[in-house]
Amino acid sequence: MVIRPVTPQDADDLWEIFHRVVAGRDTYAFSPDTSRAEGVGYWFGDHVTAFAAECEGRVVAMYKLIANHRGLGAHVSNASFMVHPDAAGRGIGRALGLHCLSQARLQGYEAMQFNFVVSTNERAIALWQSLGFEIIATLPNAFRHGTLGLVNAYVMYRSLHDVIPIFGEERRTAEPRVRHCAYVVVSGRGSDGGPCLALVTAHEDVLLPGGGLDPGEDHTAAAIREVAEECALGVAIRGVLGDAIQFVGGRDGRPVVEKRGRFFAGDEAQRISRTPEHGVLWLSPEQARQTVTNDSHRWAITRWARLNT
């Protein structure tokens, strides 16, 4: 199975799945006579991220990810899932659920909320609960079931703070070498008084300062040590931005390494009298985001920017 972004070329498969699912009148509020244009259009839009699960060249399931509310509620996401009835029971829904949680975290959402889960859809409820969702409200008689009449619907919710985004999955191997790392988004002030961030140039890569933990070292100590070694800077750690996994290597015969990184926000404290191990660049946050090599580092800079604007 391959999970990939939905494209307009998927319209026929999307419509078949949509039509089959809503025809059951047991899980979605859409009327069975919903038009093809509305059914297909549901998966597209300016603020919609949609993915499809493809098996043997055919789409068998899809999900869409959006903000649950606009403005001050836009940090909570919402998602909708449909699996072709003929593909049920093969673990596709769980795979899409895990993929969706990771994507939501990648996009900076802090939580996910399902607004309308039909209470008789026991398979879906069990799946979402196994993925960390809780029922936080009951909507009495909110759904007119095709055979059971009026039944309840649930509001389900989960925080995304424990979801660890994964980057470079195409390089994943059965047993990659695992390395625990710490990195810092080090902020200072540019000549114009605006914020700037420190990056280091290592070989062909441009990265946030940081690296692997030494034996017996915790993440915070490693972050401070690495900034000192790589940039000749003292740093005042302000907090944790989050954890992320980045797969690197896999080219030119190099082994694949699974870097399990913790990312910190920190302020430049003082210069240290030593020669930095790497070249140091000071760039604006947007320049840093565009320049950095690893996607996990770009994600950390994006999170830093959202917390500092």
C-alpha atoms as a PDB file:
ATOM      1  CA  MET A   1       0.000   0.000   0.000  1.00  0.00           C
ATOM      2  CA  VAL A   2       1.180   3.503  -0.874  1.00  0.00           C
ATOM      3  CA  ILE A   3      -0.143   6.652   0.809  1.00  0.00           C
ATOM      4  CA  ARG A   4       0.189   9.685  -1.452  1.00  0.00           C
ATOM      5  CA  PRO A   5      -1.491  13.056  -2.049  1.00  0.00           C
ATOM      6  CA  VAL A   6      -4.863  12.995  -3.775  1.00  0.00           C
ATOM      7  CA  THR A   7      -4.856  14.310  -7.365  1.00  0.00           C
ATOM      8  CA  PRO A   8      -7.674  15.299  -9.760  1.00  0.00           C
ATOM      9  CA  GLN A   9      -6.886  12.124 -11.717  1.00  0.00           C
ATOM     10  CA  ASP A  10      -8.267  10.155  -8.745  1.00  0.00           C
ATOM     11  CA  ALA A  11     -11.781  11.535  -9.269  1.00  0.00           C
ATOM     12  CA  ASP A  12     -13.372   8.268 -10.444  1.00  0.00           C
ATOM     13  CA  ASP A  13     -11.968   6.269  -7.522  1.00  0.00           C
ATOM     14  CA  LEU A  14     -12.860   9.009  -5.034  1.00  0.00           C
ATOM     15  CA  TRP A  15     -16.409   9.117  -6.300  1.00  0.00           C
ATOM     16  CA  GLU A  16     -16.844   5.330  -6.174  1.00  0.00           C
ATOM     17  CA  ILE A  17     -15.657   5.214  -2.558  1.00  0.00           C
ATOM     18  CA  PHE A  18     -17.684   8.255  -1.536  1.00  0.00           C
ATOM     19  CA  HIS A  19     -20.849   6.962  -3.180  1.00  0.00           C
ATOM     20  CA  ARG A  20     -20.488   3.471  -1.686  1.00  0.00           C
ATOM     21  CA  VAL A  21     -19.858   4.847   1.822  1.00  0.00           C
ATOM     22  CA  VAL A  22     -22.704   7.380   1.948  1.00  0.00           C
ATOM     23  CA  ALA A  23     -25.130   4.920   0.331  1.00  0.00           C
ATOM     24  CA  GLY A  24     -24.959   2.873   3.538  1.00  0.00           C
ATOM     25  CA  ARG A  25     -26.550   5.763   5.510  1.00  0.00           C
ATOM     26  CA  ASP A  26     -24.760   4.552   8.624  1.00  0.00           C
ATOM     27  CA  THR A  27     -21.568   6.636   9.043  1.00  0.00           C
ATOM     28  CA  TYR A  28     -21.754   9.980   7.182  1.00  0.00           C
ATOM     29  CA  ALA A  29     -24.364  12.730   7.223  1.00  0.00           C
ATOM     30  CA  PHE A  30     -24.198  13.129   3.431  1.00  0.00           C
ATOM     31  CA  SER A  31     -27.425  12.202   1.667  1.00  0.00           C
ATOM     32  CA  PRO A  32     -27.171   9.137  -0.606  1.00  0.00           C
ATOM     33  CA  ASP A  33     -28.242  11.346  -3.527  1.00  0.00           C
ATOM     34  CA  THR A  34     -25.264  13.696  -3.098  1.00  0.00           C
ATOM     35  CA  SER A  35     -24.016  14.710  -6.541  1.00  0.00           C
ATOM     36  CA  ARG A  36     -20.728  13.528  -7.999  1.00  0.00           C
ATOM     37  CA  ALA A  37     -19.461  17.121  -8.135  1.00  0.00           C
ATOM     38  CA  GLU A  38     -20.056  17.591  -4.406  1.00  0.00           C
ATOM     39  CA  GLY A  39     -18.742  14.157  -3.500  1.00  0.00           C
ATOM     40  CA  VAL A  40     -15.481  14.571  -5.399  1.00  0.00           C
ATOM     41  CA  GLY A  41     -15.129  18.246  -4.504  1.00  0.00           C
ATOM     42  CA  TYR A  42     -15.254  17.350  -0.799  1.00  0.00           C
ATOM     43  CA  TRP A  43     -11.616  16.178  -1.052  1.00  0.00           C
ATOM     44  CA  PHE A  44     -10.257  19.333  -2.655  1.00  0.00           C
ATOM     45  CA  GLY A  45     -10.009  22.985  -1.669  1.00  0.00           C
ATOM     46  CA  ASP A  46      -7.624  25.828  -0.921  1.00  0.00           C
ATOM     47  CA  HIS A  47      -7.199  24.831   2.730  1.00  0.00           C
ATOM     48  CA  VAL A  48      -7.570  21.054   2.349  1.00  0.00           C
ATOM     49  CA  THR A  49      -4.775  18.485   2.541  1.00  0.00           C
ATOM     50  CA  ALA A  50      -5.944  15.126   1.174  1.00  0.00           C
ATOM     51  CA  PHE A  51      -4.175  11.774   0.882  1.00  0.00           C
ATOM     52  CA  ALA A  52      -5.127   8.514  -0.806  1.00  0.00           C
ATOM     53  CA  ALA A  53      -4.239   4.923   0.004  1.00  0.00           C
ATOM     54  CA  GLU A  54      -3.402   3.131  -3.223  1.00  0.00           C
ATOM     55  CA  CYS A  55      -3.262  -0.654  -3.569  1.00  0.00           C
ATOM     56  CA  GLU A  56      -2.291  -2.326  -6.839  1.00  0.00           C
ATOM     57  CA  GLY A  57      -2.707   0.923  -8.729  1.00  0.00           C
ATOM     58  CA  ARG A  58      -6.171   1.741  -7.391  1.00  0.00           C
ATOM     59  CA  VAL A  59      -7.299   4.139  -4.670  1.00  0.00           C
ATOM     60  CA  VAL A  60      -9.059   2.199  -1.914  1.00  0.00           C
ATOM     61  CA  ALA A  61      -9.291   4.868   0.803  1.00  0.00           C
ATOM     62  CA  MET A  62      -8.680   8.556   1.446  1.00  0.00           C
ATOM     63  CA  TYR A  63      -8.641  11.206   4.126  1.00  0.00           C
ATOM     64  CA  LYS A  64      -8.731  14.994   4.255  1.00  0.00           C
ATOM     65  CA  LEU A  65      -7.117  17.237   6.847  1.00  0.00           C
ATOM     66  CA  ILE A  66      -8.330  20.784   7.561  1.00  0.00           C
ATOM     67  CA  ALA A  67      -8.457  23.302  10.383  1.00  0.00           C
ATOM     68  CA  ASN A  68     -11.472  22.678  12.588  1.00  0.00           C
ATOM     69  CA  HIS A  69     -12.132  26.418  12.929  1.00  0.00           C
ATOM     70  CA  ARG A  70     -10.659  29.581  11.520  1.00  0.00           C
ATOM     71  CA  GLY A  71      -8.618  32.244  13.286  1.00  0.00           C
ATOM     72  CA  LEU A  72      -8.086  31.647  16.977  1.00  0.00           C
ATOM     73  CA  GLY A  73      -9.342  28.062  16.659  1.00  0.00           C
ATOM     74  CA  ALA A  74      -7.173  27.152  13.677  1.00  0.00           C
ATOM     75  CA  HIS A  75      -4.607  25.324  15.827  1.00  0.00           C
ATOM     76  CA  VAL A  76      -7.063  22.397  16.172  1.00  0.00           C
ATOM     77  CA  SER A  77      -7.379  20.152  13.129  1.00  0.00           C
ATOM     78  CA  ASN A  78     -10.252  18.089  11.793  1.00  0.00           C
ATOM     79  CA  ALA A  79     -10.129  15.049   9.523  1.00  0.00           C
ATOM     80  CA  SER A  80     -12.482  12.860   7.499  1.00  0.00           C
ATOM     81  CA  PHE A  81     -11.778   9.293   6.370  1.00  0.00           C
ATOM     82  CA  MET A  82     -13.406   6.931   3.896  1.00  0.00           C
ATOM     83  CA  VAL A  83     -12.400   3.346   3.096  1.00  0.00           C
ATOM     84  CA  HIS A  84     -13.923   1.393   0.237  1.00  0.00           C
ATOM     85  CA  PRO A  85     -16.235  -1.235   1.812  1.00  0.00           C
ATOM     86  CA  ASP A  86     -14.477  -3.982  -0.154  1.00  0.00           C
ATOM     87  CA  ALA A  87     -11.155  -2.995   1.473  1.00  0.00           C
ATOM     88  CA  ALA A  88     -12.418  -2.979   5.071  1.00  0.00           C
ATOM     89  CA  GLY A  89     -10.637  -5.061   7.683  1.00  0.00           C
ATOM     90  CA  ARG A  90      -7.171  -4.825   6.098  1.00  0.00           C
ATOM     91  CA  GLY A  91      -5.663  -2.219   8.442  1.00  0.00           C
ATOM     92  CA  ILE A  92      -5.972   0.569   5.887  1.00  0.00           C
ATOM     93  CA  GLY A  93      -7.947   2.830   8.207  1.00  0.00           C
ATOM     94  CA  ARG A  94      -5.310   2.516  10.930  1.00  0.00           C
ATOM     95  CA  ALA A  95      -2.504   3.254   8.477  1.00  0.00           C
ATOM     96  CA  LEU A  96      -4.314   6.367   7.260  1.00  0.00           C
ATOM     97  CA  GLY A  97      -5.069   7.423  10.840  1.00  0.00           C
ATOM     98  CA  LEU A  98      -1.411   7.245  11.841  1.00  0.00           C
ATOM     99  CA  HIS A  99      -0.384   9.056   8.663  1.00  0.00           C
ATOM    100  CA  CYS A 100      -2.964  11.772   9.318  1.00  0.00           C
ATOM    101  CA  LEU A 101      -1.797  12.351  12.897  1.00  0.00           C
ATOM    102  CA  SER A 102       1.776  12.767  11.684  1.00  0.00           C
ATOM    103  CA  GLN A 103       0.707  15.131   8.906  1.00  0.00           C
ATOM    104  CA  ALA A 104      -1.334  17.211  11.323  1.00  0.00           C
ATOM    105  CA  ARG A 105       1.660  17.575  13.610  1.00  0.00           C
ATOM    106  CA  LEU A 106       3.881  18.445  10.649  1.00  0.00           C
ATOM    107  CA  GLN A 107       1.491  21.230   9.720  1.00  0.00           C
ATOM    108  CA  GLY A 108       1.708  22.677  13.227  1.00  0.00           C
ATOM    109  CA  TYR A 109      -1.675  21.638  14.610  1.00  0.00           C
ATOM    110  CA  GLU A 110      -1.845  21.205  18.365  1.00  0.00           C
ATOM    111  CA  ALA A 111      -4.837  18.852  18.507  1.00  0.00           C
ATOM    112  CA  MET A 112      -7.368  16.983  16.386  1.00  0.00           C
ATOM    113  CA  GLN A 113     -11.131  16.920  16.837  1.00  0.00           C
ATOM    114  CA  PHE A 114     -13.798  14.809  15.154  1.00  0.00           C
ATOM    115  CA  ASN A 115     -17.081  16.678  15.340  1.00  0.00           C
ATOM    116  CA  PHE A 116     -19.502  13.943  14.317  1.00  0.00           C
ATOM    117  CA  VAL A 117     -18.732  10.247  14.869  1.00  0.00           C
ATOM    118  CA  VAL A 118     -21.892   8.128  14.666  1.00  0.00           C
ATOM    119  CA  SER A 119     -22.257   6.195  17.924  1.00  0.00           C
ATOM    120  CA  THR A 120     -23.185   2.942  16.180  1.00  0.00           C
ATOM    121  CA  ASN A 121     -19.981   2.993  14.100  1.00  0.00           C
ATOM    122  CA  GLU A 122     -18.253   0.796  16.657  1.00  0.00           C
ATOM    123  CA  ARG A 123     -15.312  -0.178  14.435  1.00  0.00           C
ATOM    124  CA  ALA A 124     -14.358   3.455  13.843  1.00  0.00           C
ATOM    125  CA  ILE A 125     -14.800   4.409  17.496  1.00  0.00           C
ATOM    126  CA  ALA A 126     -12.567   1.528  18.603  1.00  0.00           C
ATOM    127  CA  LEU A 127      -9.921   2.562  16.057  1.00  0.00           C
ATOM    128  CA  TRP A 128      -9.886   6.202  17.138  1.00  0.00           C
ATOM    129  CA  GLN A 129      -9.747   5.274  20.805  1.00  0.00           C
ATOM    130  CA  SER A 130      -6.803   2.972  20.109  1.00  0.00           C
ATOM    131  CA  LEU A 131      -5.083   5.964  18.464  1.00  0.00           C
ATOM    132  CA  GLY A 132      -5.549   8.139  21.524  1.00  0.00           C
ATOM    133  CA  PHE A 133      -8.889   9.872  20.940  1.00  0.00           C
ATOM    134  CA  GLU A 134     -11.418  10.331  23.718  1.00  0.00           C
ATOM    135  CA  ILE A 135     -15.160  10.906  23.538  1.00  0.00           C
ATOM    136  CA  ILE A 136     -15.645  14.371  25.034  1.00  0.00           C
ATOM    137  CA  ALA A 137     -19.311  15.015  24.175  1.00  0.00           C
ATOM    138  CA  THR A 138     -22.454  13.219  23.073  1.00  0.00           C
ATOM    139  CA  LEU A 139     -24.910  14.772  20.630  1.00  0.00           C
ATOM    140  CA  PRO A 140     -28.284  13.140  21.385  1.00  0.00           C
ATOM    141  CA  ASN A 141     -30.176  11.778  18.378  1.00  0.00           C
ATOM    142  CA  ALA A 142     -27.995  13.829  16.033  1.00  0.00           C
ATOM    143  CA  PHE A 143     -27.829  11.251  13.226  1.00  0.00           C
ATOM    144  CA  ARG A 144     -30.688   9.676  11.308  1.00  0.00           C
ATOM    145  CA  HIS A 145     -29.391   6.151  10.730  1.00  0.00           C
ATOM    146  CA  GLY A 146     -30.610   4.349   7.619  1.00  0.00           C
ATOM    147  CA  THR A 147     -31.995   1.352   9.548  1.00  0.00           C
ATOM    148  CA  LEU A 148     -31.865   2.250  13.254  1.00  0.00           C
ATOM    149  CA  GLY A 149     -33.512   5.646  13.166  1.00  0.00           C
ATOM    150  CA  LEU A 150     -32.219   8.435  15.385  1.00  0.00           C
ATOM    151  CA  VAL A 151     -28.931   7.622  17.124  1.00  0.00           C
ATOM    152  CA  ASN A 152     -26.326   9.633  19.012  1.00  0.00           C
ATOM    153  CA  ALA A 153     -23.147  11.105  17.596  1.00  0.00           C
ATOM    154  CA  TYR A 154     -19.904  11.720  19.461  1.00  0.00           C
ATOM    155  CA  VAL A 155     -17.329  14.494  19.518  1.00  0.00           C
ATOM    156  CA  MET A 156     -13.856  12.925  19.831  1.00  0.00           C
ATOM    157  CA  TYR A 157     -10.597  14.723  20.622  1.00  0.00           C
ATOM    158  CA  ARG A 158      -6.905  14.145  21.145  1.00  0.00           C
ATOM    159  CA  SER A 159      -3.909  16.367  21.766  1.00  0.00           C
ATOM    160  CA  LEU A 160      -1.097  16.049  19.236  1.00  0.00           C
ATOM    161  CA  HIS A 161       1.696  16.982  21.615  1.00  0.00           C
ATOM    162  CA  ASP A 162       2.836  13.358  21.848  1.00  0.00           C
ATOM    163  CA  VAL A 163       2.824  12.775  18.080  1.00  0.00           C
ATOM    164  CA  ILE A 164       6.357  12.662  16.702  1.00  0.00           C
ATOM    165  CA  PRO A 165       6.640  13.731  13.045  1.00  0.00           C
ATOM    166  CA  ILE A 166       8.819  11.591  10.782  1.00  0.00           C
ATOM    167  CA  PHE A 167      10.861  12.897   7.846  1.00  0.00           C
ATOM    168  CA  GLY A 168      12.730  11.063   5.108  1.00  0.00           C
ATOM    169  CA  GLU A 169      10.644   7.899   5.433  1.00  0.00           C
ATOM    170  CA  GLU A 170      11.653   6.830   1.924  1.00  0.00           C
ATOM    171  CA  ARG A 171      15.108   6.099   3.360  1.00  0.00           C
ATOM    172  CA  ARG A 172      13.795   3.902   6.156  1.00  0.00           C
ATOM    173  CA  THR A 173      15.355   0.438   6.281  1.00  0.00           C
ATOM    174  CA  ALA A 174      14.450  -2.591   8.334  1.00  0.00           C
ATOM    175  CA  GLU A 175      17.115  -1.815  10.951  1.00  0.00           C
ATOM    176  CA  PRO A 176      18.486   1.717  10.597  1.00  0.00           C
ATOM    177  CA  ARG A 177      21.129   2.867  13.019  1.00  0.00           C
ATOM    178  CA  VAL A 178      19.442   4.948  15.731  1.00  0.00           C
ATOM    179  CA  ARG A 179      21.081   8.102  17.030  1.00  0.00           C
ATOM    180  CA  HIS A 180      19.613  10.320  19.754  1.00  0.00           C
ATOM    181  CA  CYS A 181      20.286  13.989  19.035  1.00  0.00           C
ATOM    182  CA  ALA A 182      19.641  17.498  20.320  1.00  0.00           C
ATOM    183  CA  TYR A 183      19.408  20.679  18.265  1.00  0.00           C
ATOM    184  CA  VAL A 184      18.811  24.342  19.049  1.00  0.00           C
ATOM    185  CA  VAL A 185      17.103  27.146  17.168  1.00  0.00           C
ATOM    186  CA  VAL A 186      19.519  29.819  18.418  1.00  0.00           C
ATOM    187  CA  SER A 187      18.134  33.329  17.995  1.00  0.00           C
ATOM    188  CA  GLY A 188      19.994  36.624  18.014  1.00  0.00           C
ATOM    189  CA  ARG A 189      19.588  40.113  16.591  1.00  0.00           C
ATOM    190  CA  GLY A 190      20.692  41.184  13.146  1.00  0.00           C
ATOM    191  CA  SER A 191      22.214  44.519  12.195  1.00  0.00           C
ATOM    192  CA  ASP A 192      18.717  45.830  11.434  1.00  0.00           C
ATOM    193  CA  GLY A 193      17.493  44.869  14.901  1.00  0.00           C
ATOM    194  CA  GLY A 194      15.355  42.023  13.578  1.00  0.00           C
ATOM    195  CA  PRO A 195      15.616  38.385  14.661  1.00  0.00           C
ATOM    196  CA  CYS A 196      18.169  36.092  13.053  1.00  0.00           C
ATOM    197  CA  LEU A 197      18.911  32.409  13.542  1.00  0.00           C
ATOM    198  CA  ALA A 198      22.202  30.518  13.643  1.00  0.00           C
ATOM    199  CA  LEU A 199      22.868  27.729  11.152  1.00  0.00           C
ATOM    200  CA  VAL A 200      26.004  25.664  10.695  1.00  0.00           C
ATOM    201  CA  THR A 201      27.560  24.455   7.457  1.00  0.00           C
ATOM    202  CA  ALA A 202      28.764  20.857   7.708  1.00  0.00           C
ATOM    203  CA  HIS A 203      30.070  19.188   4.555  1.00  0.00           C
ATOM    204  CA  GLU A 204      27.298  19.775   1.992  1.00  0.00           C
ATOM    205  CA  ASP A 205      24.562  20.370   4.563  1.00  0.00           C
ATOM    206  CA  VAL A 206      23.214  23.454   6.305  1.00  0.00           C
ATOM    207  CA  LEU A 207      21.742  22.545   9.666  1.00  0.00           C
ATOM    208  CA  LEU A 208      20.679  23.819  13.043  1.00  0.00           C
ATOM    209  CA  PRO A 209      23.512  23.582  15.563  1.00  0.00           C
ATOM    210  CA  GLY A 210      23.386  20.305  17.435  1.00  0.00           C
ATOM    211  CA  GLY A 211      24.252  16.651  17.235  1.00  0.00           C
ATOM    212  CA  GLY A 212      24.348  13.326  19.010  1.00  0.00           C
ATOM    213  CA  LEU A 213      24.204  12.762  22.744  1.00  0.00           C
ATOM    214  CA  ASP A 214      27.346  11.556  24.480  1.00  0.00           C
ATOM    215  CA  PRO A 215      27.044   8.561  26.854  1.00  0.00           C
ATOM    216  CA  GLY A 216      25.255   9.607  30.044  1.00  0.00           C
ATOM    217  CA  GLU A 217      24.344  13.021  28.630  1.00  0.00           C
ATOM    218  CA  ASP A 218      20.784  14.377  28.569  1.00  0.00           C
ATOM    219  CA  HIS A 219      19.294  16.362  25.699  1.00  0.00           C
ATOM    220  CA  THR A 220      19.677  19.777  27.310  1.00  0.00           C
ATOM    221  CA  ALA A 221      23.332  19.269  28.171  1.00  0.00           C
ATOM    222  CA  ALA A 222      24.021  17.951  24.678  1.00  0.00           C
ATOM    223  CA  ALA A 223      22.296  20.951  23.092  1.00  0.00           C
ATOM    224  CA  ILE A 224      24.389  23.449  25.091  1.00  0.00           C
ATOM    225  CA  ARG A 225      27.629  21.535  24.411  1.00  0.00           C
ATOM    226  CA  GLU A 226      26.965  21.215  20.679  1.00  0.00           C
ATOM    227  CA  VAL A 227      26.227  24.933  20.252  1.00  0.00           C
ATOM    228  CA  ALA A 228      29.444  25.756  22.080  1.00  0.00           C
ATOM    229  CA  GLU A 229      31.494  23.348  19.959  1.00  0.00           C
ATOM    230  CA  GLU A 230      29.969  24.097  16.590  1.00  0.00           C
ATOM    231  CA  CYS A 231      29.351  27.851  16.896  1.00  0.00           C
ATOM    232  CA  ALA A 232      31.628  28.998  19.757  1.00  0.00           C
ATOM    233  CA  LEU A 233      28.504  30.364  21.429  1.00  0.00           C
ATOM    234  CA  GLY A 234      26.940  30.113  24.821  1.00  0.00           C
ATOM    235  CA  VAL A 235      23.196  29.604  24.638  1.00  0.00           C
ATOM    236  CA  ALA A 236      20.349  30.147  27.093  1.00  0.00           C
ATOM    237  CA  ILE A 237      17.785  27.380  26.539  1.00  0.00           C
ATOM    238  CA  ARG A 238      14.228  28.762  26.669  1.00  0.00           C
ATOM    239  CA  GLY A 239      12.185  25.642  26.071  1.00  0.00           C
ATOM    240  CA  VAL A 240      11.480  22.561  23.983  1.00  0.00           C
ATOM    241  CA  LEU A 241       9.997  22.991  20.513  1.00  0.00           C
ATOM    242  CA  GLY A 242       9.309  19.284  20.095  1.00  0.00           C
ATOM    243  CA  ASP A 243      10.737  15.951  19.002  1.00  0.00           C
ATOM    244  CA  ALA A 244      11.065  14.723  15.425  1.00  0.00           C
ATOM    245  CA  ILE A 245      12.637  11.799  13.583  1.00  0.00           C
ATOM    246  CA  GLN A 246      14.775  12.327  10.480  1.00  0.00           C
ATOM    247  CA  PHE A 247      16.095   9.463   8.342  1.00  0.00           C
ATOM    248  CA  VAL A 248      19.367  10.415   6.638  1.00  0.00           C
ATOM    249  CA  GLY A 249      21.945   8.576   4.546  1.00  0.00           C
ATOM    250  CA  GLY A 250      21.099   5.732   2.217  1.00  0.00           C
ATOM    251  CA  ARG A 251      23.034   7.214  -0.692  1.00  0.00           C
ATOM    252  CA  ASP A 252      26.457   6.377  -2.069  1.00  0.00           C
ATOM    253  CA  GLY A 253      26.513   3.279   0.103  1.00  0.00           C
ATOM    254  CA  ARG A 254      26.095   5.223   3.336  1.00  0.00           C
ATOM    255  CA  PRO A 255      24.024   3.486   6.037  1.00  0.00           C
ATOM    256  CA  VAL A 256      20.637   4.885   6.917  1.00  0.00           C
ATOM    257  CA  VAL A 257      20.574   6.647  10.279  1.00  0.00           C
ATOM    258  CA  GLU A 258      17.392   7.328  12.221  1.00  0.00           C
ATOM    259  CA  LYS A 259      18.071  10.601  14.034  1.00  0.00           C
ATOM    260  CA  ARG A 260      15.684  10.968  16.949  1.00  0.00           C
ATOM    261  CA  GLY A 261      16.030  14.668  17.616  1.00  0.00           C
ATOM    262  CA  ARG A 262      14.813  16.969  20.358  1.00  0.00           C
ATOM    263  CA  PHE A 263      14.632  20.591  19.272  1.00  0.00           C
ATOM    264  CA  PHE A 264      15.077  23.495  21.661  1.00  0.00           C
ATOM    265  CA  ALA A 265      14.577  27.234  21.410  1.00  0.00           C
ATOM    266  CA  GLY A 266      17.506  29.225  22.764  1.00  0.00           C
ATOM    267  CA  ASP A 267      18.963  32.728  22.870  1.00  0.00           C
ATOM    268  CA  GLU A 268      22.520  33.648  22.047  1.00  0.00           C
ATOM    269  CA  ALA A 269      24.146  34.303  25.448  1.00  0.00           C
ATOM    270  CA  GLN A 270      27.813  35.094  24.843  1.00  0.00           C
ATOM    271  CA  ARG A 271      30.703  34.371  22.536  1.00  0.00           C
ATOM    272  CA  ILE A 272      33.145  31.683  23.641  1.00  0.00           C
ATOM    273  CA  SER A 273      36.861  32.034  23.063  1.00  0.00           C
ATOM    274  CA  ARG A 274      37.399  29.039  20.832  1.00  0.00           C
ATOM    275  CA  THR A 275      37.390  28.174  17.153  1.00  0.00           C
ATOM    276  CA  PRO A 276      33.987  26.935  15.976  1.00  0.00           C
ATOM    277  CA  GLU A 277      33.968  23.472  14.438  1.00  0.00           C
ATOM    278  CA  HIS A 278      31.766  24.586  11.540  1.00  0.00           C
ATOM    279  CA  GLY A 279      31.023  27.669   9.540  1.00  0.00           C
ATOM    280  CA  VAL A 280      28.213  29.704  11.087  1.00  0.00           C
ATOM    281  CA  LEU A 281      25.497  31.552   9.170  1.00  0.00           C
ATOM    282  CA  TRP A 282      23.139  34.103  10.683  1.00  0.00           C
ATOM    283  CA  LEU A 283      19.961  34.338   8.601  1.00  0.00           C
ATOM    284  CA  SER A 284      16.475  35.723   9.005  1.00  0.00           C
ATOM    285  CA  PRO A 285      13.929  33.103  10.131  1.00  0.00           C
ATOM    286  CA  GLU A 286      12.472  32.815   6.625  1.00  0.00           C
ATOM    287  CA  GLN A 287      15.912  32.599   5.010  1.00  0.00           C
ATOM    288  CA  ALA A 288      16.890  29.943   7.549  1.00  0.00           C
ATOM    289  CA  ARG A 289      13.749  27.959   6.864  1.00  0.00           C
ATOM    290  CA  GLN A 290      14.415  27.991   3.130  1.00  0.00           C
ATOM    291  CA  THR A 291      18.138  27.244   3.446  1.00  0.00           C
ATOM    292  CA  VAL A 292      18.316  24.415   5.980  1.00  0.00           C
ATOM    293  CA  THR A 293      18.871  20.939   4.527  1.00  0.00           C
ATOM    294  CA  ASN A 294      16.882  18.554   6.722  1.00  0.00           C
ATOM    295  CA  ASP A 295      13.090  18.738   6.768  1.00  0.00           C
ATOM    296  CA  SER A 296      12.993  18.132  10.524  1.00  0.00           C
ATOM    297  CA  HIS A 297      15.130  21.240  11.052  1.00  0.00           C
ATOM    298  CA  ARG A 298      12.824  23.212   8.763  1.00  0.00           C
ATOM    299  CA  TRP A 299       9.883  21.986  10.842  1.00  0.00           C
ATOM    300  CA  ALA A 300      11.587  23.171  14.048  1.00  0.00           C
ATOM    301  CA  ILE A 301      12.268  26.620  12.576  1.00  0.00           C
ATOM    302  CA  THR A 302       8.627  26.863  11.496  1.00  0.00           C
ATOM    303  CA  ARG A 303       7.480  25.987  15.022  1.00  0.00           C
ATOM    304  CA  TRP A 304       9.881  28.565  16.453  1.00  0.00           C
ATOM    305  CA  ALA A 305       8.514  31.228  14.105  1.00  0.00           C
ATOM    306  CA  ARG A 306       4.905  30.455  15.042  1.00  0.00           C
ATOM    307  CA  LEU A 307       5.731  30.812  18.718  1.00  0.00           C
ATOM    308  CA  ASN A 308       7.587  34.086  18.190  1.00  0.00           C
ATOM    309  CA  THR A 309       5.201  36.022  15.949  1.00  0.00           C
END
